Amino acid sequence: MSPQVDTAANVANSVINGQWEELKQYLTDDIFYKVGSGEPVYGKQAVVDFLSNMVSTTAKFQSHNVRKIWDEPGIVAIEMDANYVRLRDQKKLKIACCDIYRMRDNKVSEWRVYADMAPFFED
């Protein structure tokens, strides 16, 4: 794997393990983070706040099944099924997802998540 793919893998592992301070080391200070059509957040702490809130109130990210990785200079895209457990009823969810990481100095400067979040909120 390339160093930037390693960074993307470390980001995912940090989120899975709830290691929020570790996650920050893989992000630029001015990171742009956006999930689907939601409002973007800016900065390391805002990303940590968003993700830690999601895993403590909505669904816990458990693992992912990667289908394809594109590794180009300054960008990594990962197509996957992301596996979550919805907290309110412990239902296991498989969410089709594509994460796009734009890199600067081998850190994530932009992170876009394209996923159908509806299963988190359905009955």
N, C-alpha and C. Protein backbone atom coordinates (compact mmCIF):
# COMPACT_ATOMS: atom_id res chain seq x y z
N MET A 1 0.84 -1.19 0.00
CA MET A 1 0.00 0.00 0.00
C MET A 1 0.88 1.25 0.00
N SER A 2 0.31 2.32 -0.51
CA SER A 2 1.02 3.60 -0.52
C SER A 2 0.86 4.27 0.85
N PRO A 3 1.70 5.24 1.16
CA PRO A 3 1.55 5.97 2.43
C PRO A 3 0.18 6.65 2.56
N GLN A 4 -0.38 7.16 1.46
CA GLN A 4 -1.68 7.81 1.59
C GLN A 4 -2.81 6.79 1.79
N VAL A 5 -2.70 5.59 1.24
CA VAL A 5 -3.68 4.54 1.53
C VAL A 5 -3.53 4.10 2.98
N ASP A 6 -2.30 4.03 3.46
CA ASP A 6 -2.09 3.73 4.89
C ASP A 6 -2.78 4.77 5.77
N THR A 7 -2.68 6.04 5.39
CA THR A 7 -3.34 7.10 6.15
C THR A 7 -4.85 6.88 6.17
N ALA A 8 -5.45 6.58 5.02
CA ALA A 8 -6.89 6.33 4.96
C ALA A 8 -7.27 5.14 5.84
N ALA A 9 -6.47 4.08 5.83
CA ALA A 9 -6.73 2.92 6.68
C ALA A 9 -6.62 3.29 8.16
N ASN A 10 -5.64 4.12 8.50
CA ASN A 10 -5.48 4.55 9.89
C ASN A 10 -6.64 5.41 10.34
N VAL A 11 -7.17 6.24 9.45
CA VAL A 11 -8.37 7.03 9.77
C VAL A 11 -9.52 6.10 10.13
N ALA A 12 -9.78 5.12 9.27
CA ALA A 12 -10.88 4.18 9.52
C ALA A 12 -10.68 3.43 10.84
N ASN A 13 -9.47 2.95 11.08
CA ASN A 13 -9.21 2.21 12.32
C ASN A 13 -9.38 3.08 13.55
N SER A 14 -8.99 4.34 13.46
CA SER A 14 -9.16 5.26 14.58
C SER A 14 -10.65 5.45 14.90
N VAL A 15 -11.47 5.57 13.85
CA VAL A 15 -12.91 5.74 14.06
C VAL A 15 -13.51 4.47 14.65
N ILE A 16 -13.18 3.32 14.09
CA ILE A 16 -13.70 2.05 14.58
C ILE A 16 -13.38 1.88 16.07
N ASN A 17 -12.18 2.25 16.46
CA ASN A 17 -11.73 2.05 17.84
C ASN A 17 -12.00 3.23 18.76
N GLY A 18 -12.65 4.28 18.22
CA GLY A 18 -12.97 5.44 19.05
C GLY A 18 -11.73 6.16 19.56
N GLN A 19 -10.66 6.10 18.82
CA GLN A 19 -9.40 6.74 19.22
C GLN A 19 -9.33 8.12 18.58
N TRP A 20 -10.01 9.07 19.22
CA TRP A 20 -10.22 10.39 18.63
C TRP A 20 -8.95 11.22 18.58
N GLU A 21 -8.12 11.16 19.57
CA GLU A 21 -6.86 11.91 19.54
C GLU A 21 -5.94 11.35 18.45
N GLU A 22 -5.93 10.04 18.32
CA GLU A 22 -5.13 9.41 17.26
C GLU A 22 -5.64 9.85 15.89
N LEU A 23 -6.96 9.91 15.72
CA LEU A 23 -7.54 10.32 14.44
C LEU A 23 -7.01 11.68 14.02
N LYS A 24 -6.90 12.60 14.96
CA LYS A 24 -6.47 13.97 14.64
C LYS A 24 -5.11 14.03 13.96
N GLN A 25 -4.22 13.08 14.28
CA GLN A 25 -2.88 13.13 13.69
C GLN A 25 -2.88 12.86 12.19
N TYR A 26 -3.97 12.29 11.67
CA TYR A 26 -4.06 11.97 10.25
C TYR A 26 -4.80 13.05 9.46
N LEU A 27 -5.25 14.11 10.14
CA LEU A 27 -6.04 15.17 9.52
C LEU A 27 -5.27 16.48 9.52
N THR A 28 -5.45 17.28 8.46
CA THR A 28 -4.87 18.62 8.46
C THR A 28 -5.69 19.50 9.41
N ASP A 29 -5.08 20.56 9.87
CA ASP A 29 -5.78 21.48 10.80
C ASP A 29 -7.05 22.05 10.17
N ASP A 30 -7.03 22.28 8.85
CA ASP A 30 -8.15 22.91 8.16
C ASP A 30 -9.02 21.92 7.38
N ILE A 31 -9.04 20.65 7.80
CA ILE A 31 -9.79 19.64 7.06
C ILE A 31 -11.24 20.06 6.80
N PHE A 32 -11.71 19.69 5.63
CA PHE A 32 -13.11 19.85 5.21
C PHE A 32 -13.70 18.45 5.24
N TYR A 33 -14.81 18.26 5.97
CA TYR A 33 -15.46 16.94 6.09
C TYR A 33 -16.94 17.10 5.77
N LYS A 34 -17.44 16.23 4.90
CA LYS A 34 -18.83 16.34 4.48
C LYS A 34 -19.40 14.95 4.25
N VAL A 35 -20.55 14.69 4.86
CA VAL A 35 -21.25 13.42 4.68
C VAL A 35 -22.47 13.68 3.81
N GLY A 36 -22.50 13.06 2.62
CA GLY A 36 -23.63 13.20 1.72
C GLY A 36 -23.98 14.64 1.44
N SER A 37 -25.26 14.95 1.57
CA SER A 37 -25.72 16.32 1.32
C SER A 37 -25.81 17.12 2.60
N GLY A 38 -25.24 16.60 3.68
CA GLY A 38 -25.24 17.31 4.96
C GLY A 38 -24.33 18.52 4.93
N GLU A 39 -24.40 19.30 5.97
CA GLU A 39 -23.55 20.48 6.10
C GLU A 39 -22.11 20.04 6.36
N PRO A 40 -21.16 20.71 5.72
CA PRO A 40 -19.76 20.36 5.97
C PRO A 40 -19.32 20.85 7.35
N VAL A 41 -18.28 20.20 7.86
CA VAL A 41 -17.62 20.68 9.07
C VAL A 41 -16.16 20.93 8.73
N TYR A 42 -15.54 21.84 9.47
CA TYR A 42 -14.18 22.26 9.20
C TYR A 42 -13.33 22.13 10.45
N GLY A 43 -12.15 21.57 10.28
CA GLY A 43 -11.20 21.47 11.38
C GLY A 43 -11.23 20.11 12.07
N LYS A 44 -10.07 19.74 12.63
CA LYS A 44 -9.92 18.44 13.28
C LYS A 44 -10.95 18.20 14.37
N GLN A 45 -11.11 19.18 15.26
CA GLN A 45 -12.01 18.97 16.39
C GLN A 45 -13.46 18.83 15.93
N ALA A 46 -13.85 19.56 14.90
CA ALA A 46 -15.22 19.45 14.39
C ALA A 46 -15.47 18.07 13.81
N VAL A 47 -14.48 17.49 13.14
CA VAL A 47 -14.61 16.13 12.60
C VAL A 47 -14.75 15.14 13.75
N VAL A 48 -13.90 15.26 14.76
CA VAL A 48 -13.97 14.38 15.92
C VAL A 48 -15.32 14.52 16.62
N ASP A 49 -15.78 15.75 16.80
CA ASP A 49 -17.08 15.97 17.45
C ASP A 49 -18.21 15.32 16.66
N PHE A 50 -18.20 15.49 15.34
CA PHE A 50 -19.24 14.90 14.49
C PHE A 50 -19.24 13.37 14.63
N LEU A 51 -18.06 12.77 14.45
CA LEU A 51 -17.98 11.30 14.47
C LEU A 51 -18.24 10.73 15.86
N SER A 52 -17.69 11.33 16.89
CA SER A 52 -17.90 10.79 18.24
C SER A 52 -19.36 10.92 18.64
N ASN A 53 -20.02 11.98 18.21
CA ASN A 53 -21.45 12.13 18.48
C ASN A 53 -22.24 11.04 17.75
N MET A 54 -21.90 10.80 16.48
CA MET A 54 -22.63 9.78 15.71
C MET A 54 -22.51 8.40 16.35
N VAL A 55 -21.27 8.02 16.74
CA VAL A 55 -21.09 6.68 17.29
C VAL A 55 -21.64 6.54 18.70
N SER A 56 -21.90 7.65 19.38
CA SER A 56 -22.45 7.55 20.73
C SER A 56 -23.97 7.75 20.76
N THR A 57 -24.56 8.24 19.68
CA THR A 57 -26.00 8.50 19.68
C THR A 57 -26.77 7.77 18.58
N THR A 58 -26.11 7.39 17.50
CA THR A 58 -26.84 6.88 16.34
C THR A 58 -26.43 5.46 15.96
N ALA A 59 -25.19 5.30 15.53
CA ALA A 59 -24.72 3.99 15.07
C ALA A 59 -23.21 3.89 15.26
N LYS A 60 -22.76 2.71 15.60
CA LYS A 60 -21.33 2.44 15.82
C LYS A 60 -20.75 1.77 14.59
N PHE A 61 -19.70 2.38 14.05
CA PHE A 61 -18.97 1.82 12.91
C PHE A 61 -18.19 0.61 13.39
N GLN A 62 -18.44 -0.55 12.78
CA GLN A 62 -17.81 -1.80 13.21
C GLN A 62 -16.65 -2.23 12.31
N SER A 63 -16.86 -2.13 11.02
CA SER A 63 -15.86 -2.60 10.06
C SER A 63 -16.31 -2.20 8.67
N HIS A 64 -15.52 -2.56 7.69
CA HIS A 64 -15.94 -2.32 6.32
C HIS A 64 -15.42 -3.45 5.42
N ASN A 65 -16.12 -3.64 4.34
CA ASN A 65 -15.72 -4.60 3.32
C ASN A 65 -15.38 -3.78 2.07
N VAL A 66 -14.10 -3.65 1.82
CA VAL A 66 -13.63 -2.82 0.70
C VAL A 66 -13.85 -3.57 -0.61
N ARG A 67 -14.43 -2.85 -1.57
CA ARG A 67 -14.60 -3.40 -2.92
C ARG A 67 -13.49 -2.94 -3.85
N LYS A 68 -13.11 -1.66 -3.73
CA LYS A 68 -12.13 -1.11 -4.66
C LYS A 68 -11.45 0.10 -4.01
N ILE A 69 -10.16 0.23 -4.25
CA ILE A 69 -9.39 1.40 -3.81
C ILE A 69 -8.74 2.02 -5.04
N TRP A 70 -8.95 3.33 -5.18
CA TRP A 70 -8.26 4.09 -6.20
C TRP A 70 -7.21 4.93 -5.48
N ASP A 71 -5.98 4.85 -5.92
CA ASP A 71 -4.87 5.53 -5.28
C ASP A 71 -4.16 6.36 -6.34
N GLU A 72 -4.42 7.64 -6.33
CA GLU A 72 -3.83 8.57 -7.28
C GLU A 72 -3.06 9.63 -6.50
N PRO A 73 -2.14 10.33 -7.14
CA PRO A 73 -1.41 11.37 -6.41
C PRO A 73 -2.37 12.38 -5.75
N GLY A 74 -2.29 12.48 -4.43
CA GLY A 74 -3.09 13.44 -3.69
C GLY A 74 -4.52 13.04 -3.42
N ILE A 75 -4.93 11.83 -3.83
CA ILE A 75 -6.32 11.43 -3.60
C ILE A 75 -6.42 9.91 -3.47
N VAL A 76 -7.27 9.49 -2.52
CA VAL A 76 -7.62 8.08 -2.36
C VAL A 76 -9.14 8.00 -2.34
N ALA A 77 -9.70 7.08 -3.10
CA ALA A 77 -11.14 6.82 -3.06
C ALA A 77 -11.33 5.35 -2.72
N ILE A 78 -12.25 5.10 -1.81
CA ILE A 78 -12.50 3.74 -1.36
C ILE A 78 -13.99 3.45 -1.47
N GLU A 79 -14.32 2.44 -2.26
CA GLU A 79 -15.70 1.96 -2.38
C GLU A 79 -15.84 0.77 -1.44
N MET A 80 -16.89 0.80 -0.62
CA MET A 80 -17.00 -0.24 0.41
C MET A 80 -18.44 -0.43 0.86
N ASP A 81 -18.66 -1.48 1.60
CA ASP A 81 -19.83 -1.63 2.45
C ASP A 81 -19.34 -1.35 3.86
N ALA A 82 -19.94 -0.36 4.50
CA ALA A 82 -19.59 -0.02 5.87
C ALA A 82 -20.59 -0.72 6.80
N ASN A 83 -20.08 -1.40 7.79
CA ASN A 83 -20.90 -2.18 8.71
C ASN A 83 -21.05 -1.41 10.03
N TYR A 84 -22.31 -1.18 10.40
CA TYR A 84 -22.65 -0.43 11.60
C TYR A 84 -23.60 -1.26 12.46
N VAL A 85 -23.69 -0.88 13.73
CA VAL A 85 -24.75 -1.36 14.61
C VAL A 85 -25.52 -0.12 15.05
N ARG A 86 -26.82 -0.11 14.73
CA ARG A 86 -27.67 1.01 15.13
C ARG A 86 -27.92 0.90 16.62
N LEU A 87 -27.68 1.96 17.34
CA LEU A 87 -27.68 1.91 18.80
C LEU A 87 -29.06 1.70 19.40
N ARG A 88 -30.11 2.27 18.82
CA ARG A 88 -31.42 2.21 19.48
C ARG A 88 -32.00 0.80 19.54
N ASP A 89 -31.59 -0.07 18.60
CA ASP A 89 -32.15 -1.43 18.61
C ASP A 89 -31.11 -2.52 18.34
N GLN A 90 -29.85 -2.14 18.25
CA GLN A 90 -28.74 -3.06 18.01
C GLN A 90 -28.82 -3.77 16.64
N LYS A 91 -29.60 -3.20 15.73
CA LYS A 91 -29.72 -3.78 14.39
C LYS A 91 -28.43 -3.58 13.61
N LYS A 92 -27.96 -4.64 12.95
CA LYS A 92 -26.77 -4.56 12.11
C LYS A 92 -27.17 -3.97 10.76
N LEU A 93 -26.39 -2.99 10.32
CA LEU A 93 -26.65 -2.31 9.06
C LEU A 93 -25.44 -2.43 8.15
N LYS A 94 -25.69 -2.62 6.87
CA LYS A 94 -24.64 -2.61 5.86
C LYS A 94 -24.95 -1.45 4.94
N ILE A 95 -24.08 -0.45 4.91
CA ILE A 95 -24.30 0.78 4.17
C ILE A 95 -23.31 0.85 3.01
N ALA A 96 -23.82 0.90 1.78
CA ALA A 96 -22.95 1.11 0.62
C ALA A 96 -22.38 2.51 0.73
N CYS A 97 -21.08 2.62 0.50
CA CYS A 97 -20.41 3.87 0.81
C CYS A 97 -19.20 4.07 -0.11
N CYS A 98 -18.90 5.32 -0.39
CA CYS A 98 -17.67 5.68 -1.07
C CYS A 98 -17.06 6.86 -0.32
N ASP A 99 -15.86 6.68 0.17
CA ASP A 99 -15.13 7.75 0.85
C ASP A 99 -14.06 8.27 -0.08
N ILE A 100 -13.98 9.58 -0.19
CA ILE A 100 -12.95 10.21 -1.00
C ILE A 100 -12.10 11.07 -0.07
N TYR A 101 -10.82 10.78 -0.07
CA TYR A 101 -9.85 11.49 0.76
C TYR A 101 -8.91 12.28 -0.15
N ARG A 102 -8.86 13.57 0.03
CA ARG A 102 -7.86 14.39 -0.64
C ARG A 102 -6.74 14.62 0.37
N MET A 103 -5.52 14.43 -0.10
CA MET A 103 -4.37 14.44 0.79
C MET A 103 -3.48 15.67 0.57
N ARG A 104 -2.89 16.12 1.67
CA ARG A 104 -1.87 17.15 1.64
C ARG A 104 -0.82 16.75 2.67
N ASP A 105 0.41 16.60 2.22
CA ASP A 105 1.50 16.16 3.10
C ASP A 105 1.15 14.87 3.83
N ASN A 106 0.52 13.96 3.09
CA ASN A 106 0.12 12.64 3.60
C ASN A 106 -0.85 12.70 4.77
N LYS A 107 -1.61 13.80 4.84
CA LYS A 107 -2.71 13.92 5.80
C LYS A 107 -3.97 14.22 5.01
N VAL A 108 -5.11 13.90 5.60
CA VAL A 108 -6.39 14.13 4.93
C VAL A 108 -6.76 15.60 5.08
N SER A 109 -6.92 16.28 3.93
CA SER A 109 -7.31 17.69 3.94
C SER A 109 -8.78 17.88 3.55
N GLU A 110 -9.32 16.89 2.88
CA GLU A 110 -10.74 16.90 2.51
C GLU A 110 -11.22 15.46 2.55
N TRP A 111 -12.39 15.25 3.18
CA TRP A 111 -12.93 13.90 3.33
C TRP A 111 -14.42 13.99 3.03
N ARG A 112 -14.80 13.36 1.96
CA ARG A 112 -16.21 13.33 1.57
C ARG A 112 -16.71 11.89 1.66
N VAL A 113 -17.87 11.73 2.25
CA VAL A 113 -18.48 10.42 2.44
C VAL A 113 -19.79 10.41 1.66
N TYR A 114 -19.88 9.51 0.70
CA TYR A 114 -21.11 9.35 -0.09
C TYR A 114 -21.75 8.04 0.35
N ALA A 115 -22.83 8.16 1.11
CA ALA A 115 -23.49 6.99 1.68
C ALA A 115 -24.97 7.29 1.86
N ASP A 116 -25.77 6.24 1.80
CA ASP A 116 -27.20 6.36 2.11
C ASP A 116 -27.36 6.21 3.61
N MET A 117 -27.62 7.33 4.28
CA MET A 117 -27.73 7.32 5.73
C MET A 117 -29.13 6.98 6.23
N ALA A 118 -30.09 6.81 5.32
CA ALA A 118 -31.48 6.55 5.69
C ALA A 118 -31.64 5.36 6.65
N PRO A 119 -30.92 4.25 6.46
CA PRO A 119 -31.10 3.12 7.39
C PRO A 119 -30.84 3.46 8.86
N PHE A 120 -30.05 4.48 9.12
CA PHE A 120 -29.82 4.88 10.50
C PHE A 120 -31.09 5.35 11.19
N PHE A 121 -32.04 5.86 10.39
CA PHE A 121 -33.21 6.53 10.96
C PHE A 121 -34.53 5.83 10.64
N GLU A 122 -34.50 4.77 9.84
CA GLU A 122 -35.72 4.03 9.50
C GLU A 122 -36.19 3.21 10.69
N ASP A 123 -37.47 2.83 10.63
CA ASP A 123 -38.03 1.94 11.67
C ASP A 123 -37.69 0.50 11.39
